[in-house]
Amino acid sequence: MLMYTLVLVHVVLAICHGSFAEKMMRPKFKDIKIWSDEKFVSHKVVYDSNDPHLNFSMEVHQDLHDVDIHLEVRIGNKQDSLYTTTLNSTLNVCRILGFANKSPVGRFVHGFIREFGNIVENCPIAKGSYFINKFWWPEDPTTAMLPELEFEIVWQAMLLDASKKRTLIMNDHFGGEFVVQDVNNLKPGIFAMLPKIA
């Protein structure tokens, strides 16, 4: 009877907290370094691992006519460093925004992110405040079956002048690991992003 009562209490507590704990792989940031050239822009990046969500805010101090974004990502298996994936890419913000306006996939992703705040809509990027609050990518518990990972991310923004000369205006570095943990606040999976049909 005591065992039955304990199980019943556990079930009630789990329901009161929203759901049963599920195994999920989530990031743990160990190192966040952000830098911006205050002449052009200032920004903040804050990650709350308890909720979890990401907050990003940016103040543009003068119109930015053309901007490139450079991204470097390294993801490696924590148990075996031979299994490593790297990404190194540079994209033009104005072209990305054009893609968001012309492509169904671009409109879908851009619309999803727009729900979380005031984001850059077109070029030139006008002087003003931009932000994304309580942003979190959709999760799926199947990721708990993957090996735990370490990651390093370098994110840079470069202002381009008329001759395409680049000036570094943002330089962010993020380091950490993806670990499997028990969570009771699982965010909806990737299929939840798809439009609902009435």
C-alpha atoms as a PDB file:
ATOM      1  CA  MET A   1       0.000   0.000   0.000  1.00  0.00           C
ATOM      2  CA  LEU A   2       2.851   2.371   0.849  1.00  0.00           C
ATOM      3  CA  MET A   3       4.491   1.667  -2.535  1.00  0.00           C
ATOM      4  CA  TYR A   4       1.180   2.313  -4.338  1.00  0.00           C
ATOM      5  CA  THR A   5       0.779   5.618  -2.473  1.00  0.00           C
ATOM      6  CA  LEU A   6       4.340   6.712  -3.354  1.00  0.00           C
ATOM      7  CA  VAL A   7       3.799   5.927  -7.019  1.00  0.00           C
ATOM      8  CA  LEU A   8       0.494   7.817  -7.005  1.00  0.00           C
ATOM      9  CA  VAL A   9       2.164  10.859  -5.381  1.00  0.00           C
ATOM     10  CA  HIS A  10       4.931  10.729  -8.019  1.00  0.00           C
ATOM     11  CA  VAL A  11       2.336  10.662 -10.818  1.00  0.00           C
ATOM     12  CA  VAL A  12       0.402  13.600  -9.336  1.00  0.00           C
ATOM     13  CA  LEU A  13       3.600  15.642  -8.923  1.00  0.00           C
ATOM     14  CA  ALA A  14       4.623  14.901 -12.492  1.00  0.00           C
ATOM     15  CA  ILE A  15       1.217  16.002 -13.790  1.00  0.00           C
ATOM     16  CA  CYS A  16       1.373  19.191 -11.689  1.00  0.00           C
ATOM     17  CA  HIS A  17       4.763  20.017 -13.209  1.00  0.00           C
ATOM     18  CA  GLY A  18       3.426  19.639 -16.738  1.00  0.00           C
ATOM     19  CA  SER A  19       4.646  16.185 -17.798  1.00  0.00           C
ATOM     20  CA  PHE A  20       6.880  13.267 -16.992  1.00  0.00           C
ATOM     21  CA  ALA A  21      10.606  13.835 -17.335  1.00  0.00           C
ATOM     22  CA  GLU A  22      11.957  12.759 -20.703  1.00  0.00           C
ATOM     23  CA  LYS A  23      15.520  12.174 -21.832  1.00  0.00           C
ATOM     24  CA  MET A  24      16.628  14.982 -24.098  1.00  0.00           C
ATOM     25  CA  MET A  25      19.921  16.217 -25.492  1.00  0.00           C
ATOM     26  CA  ARG A  26      20.375  19.933 -24.758  1.00  0.00           C
ATOM     27  CA  PRO A  27      23.277  22.362 -24.993  1.00  0.00           C
ATOM     28  CA  LYS A  28      25.292  23.456 -21.975  1.00  0.00           C
ATOM     29  CA  PHE A  29      27.240  26.611 -22.746  1.00  0.00           C
ATOM     30  CA  LYS A  30      30.591  26.741 -20.953  1.00  0.00           C
ATOM     31  CA  ASP A  31      32.031  29.790 -22.656  1.00  0.00           C
ATOM     32  CA  ILE A  32      30.229  32.758 -24.232  1.00  0.00           C
ATOM     33  CA  LYS A  33      32.302  35.711 -25.477  1.00  0.00           C
ATOM     34  CA  ILE A  34      30.693  38.499 -27.471  1.00  0.00           C
ATOM     35  CA  TRP A  35      32.243  41.601 -28.985  1.00  0.00           C
ATOM     36  CA  SER A  36      30.902  44.397 -31.148  1.00  0.00           C
ATOM     37  CA  ASP A  37      32.274  47.609 -32.605  1.00  0.00           C
ATOM     38  CA  GLU A  38      30.210  50.168 -30.667  1.00  0.00           C
ATOM     39  CA  LYS A  39      30.599  52.692 -33.476  1.00  0.00           C
ATOM     40  CA  PHE A  40      28.255  50.575 -35.586  1.00  0.00           C
ATOM     41  CA  VAL A  41      26.356  48.187 -33.339  1.00  0.00           C
ATOM     42  CA  SER A  42      26.070  46.789 -29.802  1.00  0.00           C
ATOM     43  CA  HIS A  43      24.454  43.489 -28.837  1.00  0.00           C
ATOM     44  CA  LYS A  44      23.817  40.953 -26.065  1.00  0.00           C
ATOM     45  CA  VAL A  45      23.299  37.201 -26.117  1.00  0.00           C
ATOM     46  CA  VAL A  46      21.854  35.483 -23.036  1.00  0.00           C
ATOM     47  CA  TYR A  47      21.060  31.777 -22.707  1.00  0.00           C
ATOM     48  CA  ASP A  48      18.832  30.469 -19.913  1.00  0.00           C
ATOM     49  CA  SER A  49      19.442  26.735 -19.491  1.00  0.00           C
ATOM     50  CA  ASN A  50      16.575  26.261 -17.021  1.00  0.00           C
ATOM     51  CA  ASP A  51      13.715  27.355 -19.286  1.00  0.00           C
ATOM     52  CA  PRO A  52      15.547  26.882 -21.837  1.00  0.00           C
ATOM     53  CA  HIS A  53      15.649  29.804 -24.222  1.00  0.00           C
ATOM     54  CA  LEU A  54      17.920  32.271 -25.958  1.00  0.00           C
ATOM     55  CA  ASN A  55      17.586  36.067 -25.837  1.00  0.00           C
ATOM     56  CA  PHE A  56      19.330  38.258 -28.406  1.00  0.00           C
ATOM     57  CA  SER A  57      19.233  42.052 -28.501  1.00  0.00           C
ATOM     58  CA  MET A  58      20.992  44.417 -30.894  1.00  0.00           C
ATOM     59  CA  GLU A  59      21.167  48.185 -31.157  1.00  0.00           C
ATOM     60  CA  VAL A  60      22.220  49.450 -34.599  1.00  0.00           C
ATOM     61  CA  HIS A  61      23.837  52.883 -34.201  1.00  0.00           C
ATOM     62  CA  GLN A  62      23.954  53.817 -37.892  1.00  0.00           C
ATOM     63  CA  ASP A  63      22.412  52.407 -41.068  1.00  0.00           C
ATOM     64  CA  LEU A  64      24.250  49.293 -42.300  1.00  0.00           C
ATOM     65  CA  HIS A  65      24.040  49.130 -46.088  1.00  0.00           C
ATOM     66  CA  ASP A  66      25.579  45.694 -46.702  1.00  0.00           C
ATOM     67  CA  VAL A  67      26.563  42.997 -44.187  1.00  0.00           C
ATOM     68  CA  ASP A  68      28.151  39.556 -44.471  1.00  0.00           C
ATOM     69  CA  ILE A  69      27.708  36.923 -41.760  1.00  0.00           C
ATOM     70  CA  HIS A  70      30.540  34.423 -41.273  1.00  0.00           C
ATOM     71  CA  LEU A  71      29.867  31.210 -39.344  1.00  0.00           C
ATOM     72  CA  GLU A  72      32.303  28.534 -38.205  1.00  0.00           C
ATOM     73  CA  VAL A  73      30.974  25.492 -36.351  1.00  0.00           C
ATOM     74  CA  ARG A  74      32.816  22.455 -35.001  1.00  0.00           C
ATOM     75  CA  ILE A  75      30.854  19.592 -33.457  1.00  0.00           C
ATOM     76  CA  GLY A  76      32.706  16.557 -32.112  1.00  0.00           C
ATOM     77  CA  ASN A  77      31.862  13.312 -30.365  1.00  0.00           C
ATOM     78  CA  LYS A  78      32.869  13.616 -26.685  1.00  0.00           C
ATOM     79  CA  GLN A  79      33.973   9.974 -26.580  1.00  0.00           C
ATOM     80  CA  ASP A  80      35.888   9.841 -29.853  1.00  0.00           C
ATOM     81  CA  SER A  81      37.456  12.971 -31.354  1.00  0.00           C
ATOM     82  CA  LEU A  82      37.829  11.246 -34.752  1.00  0.00           C
ATOM     83  CA  TYR A  83      34.104  11.836 -35.266  1.00  0.00           C
ATOM     84  CA  THR A  84      33.989  15.573 -35.900  1.00  0.00           C
ATOM     85  CA  THR A  85      31.897  17.738 -38.211  1.00  0.00           C
ATOM     86  CA  THR A  86      32.873  21.255 -39.270  1.00  0.00           C
ATOM     87  CA  LEU A  87      31.048  24.009 -41.110  1.00  0.00           C
ATOM     88  CA  ASN A  88      32.608  27.171 -42.473  1.00  0.00           C
ATOM     89  CA  SER A  89      30.303  29.502 -44.391  1.00  0.00           C
ATOM     90  CA  THR A  90      29.867  33.181 -45.254  1.00  0.00           C
ATOM     91  CA  LEU A  91      26.451  34.510 -46.251  1.00  0.00           C
ATOM     92  CA  ASN A  92      25.229  37.945 -47.262  1.00  0.00           C
ATOM     93  CA  VAL A  93      22.410  39.266 -45.044  1.00  0.00           C
ATOM     94  CA  CYS A  94      20.669  41.095 -47.906  1.00  0.00           C
ATOM     95  CA  ARG A  95      20.577  37.928 -50.012  1.00  0.00           C
ATOM     96  CA  ILE A  96      19.226  35.923 -47.054  1.00  0.00           C
ATOM     97  CA  LEU A  97      16.450  38.480 -46.560  1.00  0.00           C
ATOM     98  CA  GLY A  98      15.679  38.316 -50.280  1.00  0.00           C
ATOM     99  CA  PHE A  99      15.424  34.528 -49.984  1.00  0.00           C
ATOM    100  CA  ALA A 100      13.058  34.958 -47.019  1.00  0.00           C
ATOM    101  CA  ASN A 101      10.751  37.077 -49.159  1.00  0.00           C
ATOM    102  CA  LYS A 102      10.803  34.903 -52.306  1.00  0.00           C
ATOM    103  CA  SER A 103      11.028  31.296 -51.124  1.00  0.00           C
ATOM    104  CA  PRO A 104       8.241  29.338 -49.355  1.00  0.00           C
ATOM    105  CA  VAL A 105      10.867  27.747 -47.085  1.00  0.00           C
ATOM    106  CA  GLY A 106      12.434  31.150 -46.434  1.00  0.00           C
ATOM    107  CA  ARG A 107       9.041  32.662 -45.580  1.00  0.00           C
ATOM    108  CA  PHE A 108       8.314  29.732 -43.244  1.00  0.00           C
ATOM    109  CA  VAL A 109      11.609  30.053 -41.319  1.00  0.00           C
ATOM    110  CA  HIS A 110      11.529  33.868 -41.304  1.00  0.00           C
ATOM    111  CA  GLY A 111       7.902  33.844 -40.097  1.00  0.00           C
ATOM    112  CA  PHE A 112       8.749  31.371 -37.339  1.00  0.00           C
ATOM    113  CA  ILE A 113      11.607  33.532 -36.028  1.00  0.00           C
ATOM    114  CA  ARG A 114       9.554  36.749 -36.398  1.00  0.00           C
ATOM    115  CA  GLU A 115       7.127  35.436 -33.757  1.00  0.00           C
ATOM    116  CA  PHE A 116       9.833  35.910 -31.126  1.00  0.00           C
ATOM    117  CA  GLY A 117      10.571  39.604 -31.564  1.00  0.00           C
ATOM    118  CA  ASN A 118      11.561  42.495 -33.788  1.00  0.00           C
ATOM    119  CA  ILE A 119      14.000  41.186 -36.387  1.00  0.00           C
ATOM    120  CA  VAL A 120      15.812  42.660 -39.381  1.00  0.00           C
ATOM    121  CA  GLU A 121      13.375  42.702 -42.322  1.00  0.00           C
ATOM    122  CA  ASN A 122      15.321  44.291 -45.196  1.00  0.00           C
ATOM    123  CA  CYS A 123      18.464  46.098 -46.330  1.00  0.00           C
ATOM    124  CA  PRO A 124      19.870  48.518 -45.590  1.00  0.00           C
ATOM    125  CA  ILE A 125      19.567  47.602 -41.902  1.00  0.00           C
ATOM    126  CA  ALA A 126      18.113  50.752 -40.386  1.00  0.00           C
ATOM    127  CA  LYS A 127      19.351  52.368 -37.205  1.00  0.00           C
ATOM    128  CA  GLY A 128      17.279  51.069 -34.275  1.00  0.00           C
ATOM    129  CA  SER A 129      16.627  48.206 -31.856  1.00  0.00           C
ATOM    130  CA  TYR A 130      16.200  44.564 -32.827  1.00  0.00           C
ATOM    131  CA  PHE A 131      15.600  41.609 -30.534  1.00  0.00           C
ATOM    132  CA  ILE A 132      14.584  37.980 -30.240  1.00  0.00           C
ATOM    133  CA  ASN A 133      13.105  36.946 -26.876  1.00  0.00           C
ATOM    134  CA  LYS A 134      12.490  33.454 -25.519  1.00  0.00           C
ATOM    135  CA  PHE A 135      13.636  31.799 -28.746  1.00  0.00           C
ATOM    136  CA  TRP A 136      14.091  28.032 -28.722  1.00  0.00           C
ATOM    137  CA  TRP A 137      14.402  25.612 -31.613  1.00  0.00           C
ATOM    138  CA  PRO A 138      11.936  22.708 -31.720  1.00  0.00           C
ATOM    139  CA  GLU A 139      13.184  19.605 -29.925  1.00  0.00           C
ATOM    140  CA  ASP A 140      12.706  15.905 -30.381  1.00  0.00           C
ATOM    141  CA  PRO A 141      13.480  13.321 -27.661  1.00  0.00           C
ATOM    142  CA  THR A 142      14.968  10.971 -30.273  1.00  0.00           C
ATOM    143  CA  THR A 143      18.160  13.076 -30.056  1.00  0.00           C
ATOM    144  CA  ALA A 144      18.772  11.444 -26.647  1.00  0.00           C
ATOM    145  CA  MET A 145      19.910   8.353 -28.568  1.00  0.00           C
ATOM    146  CA  LEU A 146      22.795  10.280 -30.150  1.00  0.00           C
ATOM    147  CA  PRO A 147      26.279  10.389 -28.601  1.00  0.00           C
ATOM    148  CA  GLU A 148      26.994  13.419 -26.427  1.00  0.00           C
ATOM    149  CA  LEU A 149      28.824  16.174 -28.298  1.00  0.00           C
ATOM    150  CA  GLU A 150      31.163  19.115 -27.785  1.00  0.00           C
ATOM    151  CA  PHE A 151      30.759  22.261 -29.873  1.00  0.00           C
ATOM    152  CA  GLU A 152      32.492  25.504 -30.777  1.00  0.00           C
ATOM    153  CA  ILE A 153      30.733  28.275 -32.696  1.00  0.00           C
ATOM    154  CA  VAL A 154      32.274  31.449 -34.129  1.00  0.00           C
ATOM    155  CA  TRP A 155      29.767  34.009 -35.433  1.00  0.00           C
ATOM    156  CA  GLN A 156      31.016  37.206 -37.077  1.00  0.00           C
ATOM    157  CA  ALA A 157      29.322  40.123 -38.832  1.00  0.00           C
ATOM    158  CA  MET A 158      31.248  42.242 -41.319  1.00  0.00           C
ATOM    159  CA  LEU A 159      30.193  45.555 -42.809  1.00  0.00           C
ATOM    160  CA  LEU A 160      30.903  45.842 -46.548  1.00  0.00           C
ATOM    161  CA  ASP A 161      31.693  49.193 -48.109  1.00  0.00           C
ATOM    162  CA  ALA A 162      31.127  50.137 -51.775  1.00  0.00           C
ATOM    163  CA  SER A 163      34.348  48.361 -52.816  1.00  0.00           C
ATOM    164  CA  LYS A 164      33.325  45.222 -50.809  1.00  0.00           C
ATOM    165  CA  LYS A 165      36.040  45.809 -48.215  1.00  0.00           C
ATOM    166  CA  ARG A 166      35.023  44.128 -44.950  1.00  0.00           C
ATOM    167  CA  THR A 167      35.077  45.738 -41.480  1.00  0.00           C
ATOM    168  CA  LEU A 168      34.471  43.407 -38.520  1.00  0.00           C
ATOM    169  CA  ILE A 169      31.572  44.728 -36.424  1.00  0.00           C
ATOM    170  CA  MET A 170      30.630  41.594 -34.396  1.00  0.00           C
ATOM    171  CA  ASN A 171      32.754  38.686 -33.230  1.00  0.00           C
ATOM    172  CA  ASP A 172      31.095  36.084 -30.975  1.00  0.00           C
ATOM    173  CA  HIS A 173      32.479  32.785 -29.668  1.00  0.00           C
ATOM    174  CA  PHE A 174      30.370  30.068 -28.026  1.00  0.00           C
ATOM    175  CA  GLY A 175      31.680  26.832 -26.560  1.00  0.00           C
ATOM    176  CA  GLY A 176      30.028  23.980 -24.718  1.00  0.00           C
ATOM    177  CA  GLU A 177      28.564  20.533 -25.028  1.00  0.00           C
ATOM    178  CA  PHE A 178      25.331  18.755 -25.848  1.00  0.00           C
ATOM    179  CA  VAL A 179      24.440  16.438 -22.966  1.00  0.00           C
ATOM    180  CA  VAL A 180      21.563  14.036 -22.376  1.00  0.00           C
ATOM    181  CA  GLN A 181      19.467  15.077 -19.394  1.00  0.00           C
ATOM    182  CA  ASP A 182      16.033  14.551 -17.867  1.00  0.00           C
ATOM    183  CA  VAL A 183      13.707  17.428 -18.781  1.00  0.00           C
ATOM    184  CA  ASN A 184      10.046  18.087 -18.026  1.00  0.00           C
ATOM    185  CA  ASN A 185       9.709  21.118 -20.298  1.00  0.00           C
ATOM    186  CA  LEU A 186      10.275  19.535 -23.705  1.00  0.00           C
ATOM    187  CA  LYS A 187       9.593  21.970 -26.529  1.00  0.00           C
ATOM    188  CA  PRO A 188       7.492  20.701 -29.487  1.00  0.00           C
ATOM    189  CA  GLY A 189       9.287  18.618 -32.091  1.00  0.00           C
ATOM    190  CA  ILE A 190      10.229  19.694 -35.613  1.00  0.00           C
ATOM    191  CA  PHE A 191       6.862  18.618 -37.085  1.00  0.00           C
ATOM    192  CA  ALA A 192       5.079  21.047 -34.752  1.00  0.00           C
ATOM    193  CA  MET A 193       6.583  23.865 -36.848  1.00  0.00           C
ATOM    194  CA  LEU A 194       4.550  22.862 -39.887  1.00  0.00           C
ATOM    195  CA  PRO A 195       1.472  24.995 -40.609  1.00  0.00           C
ATOM    196  CA  LYS A 196      -1.773  23.692 -39.119  1.00  0.00           C
ATOM    197  CA  ILE A 197      -4.484  22.680 -41.590  1.00  0.00           C
ATOM    198  CA  ALA A 198      -7.988  23.642 -40.437  1.00  0.00           C
END
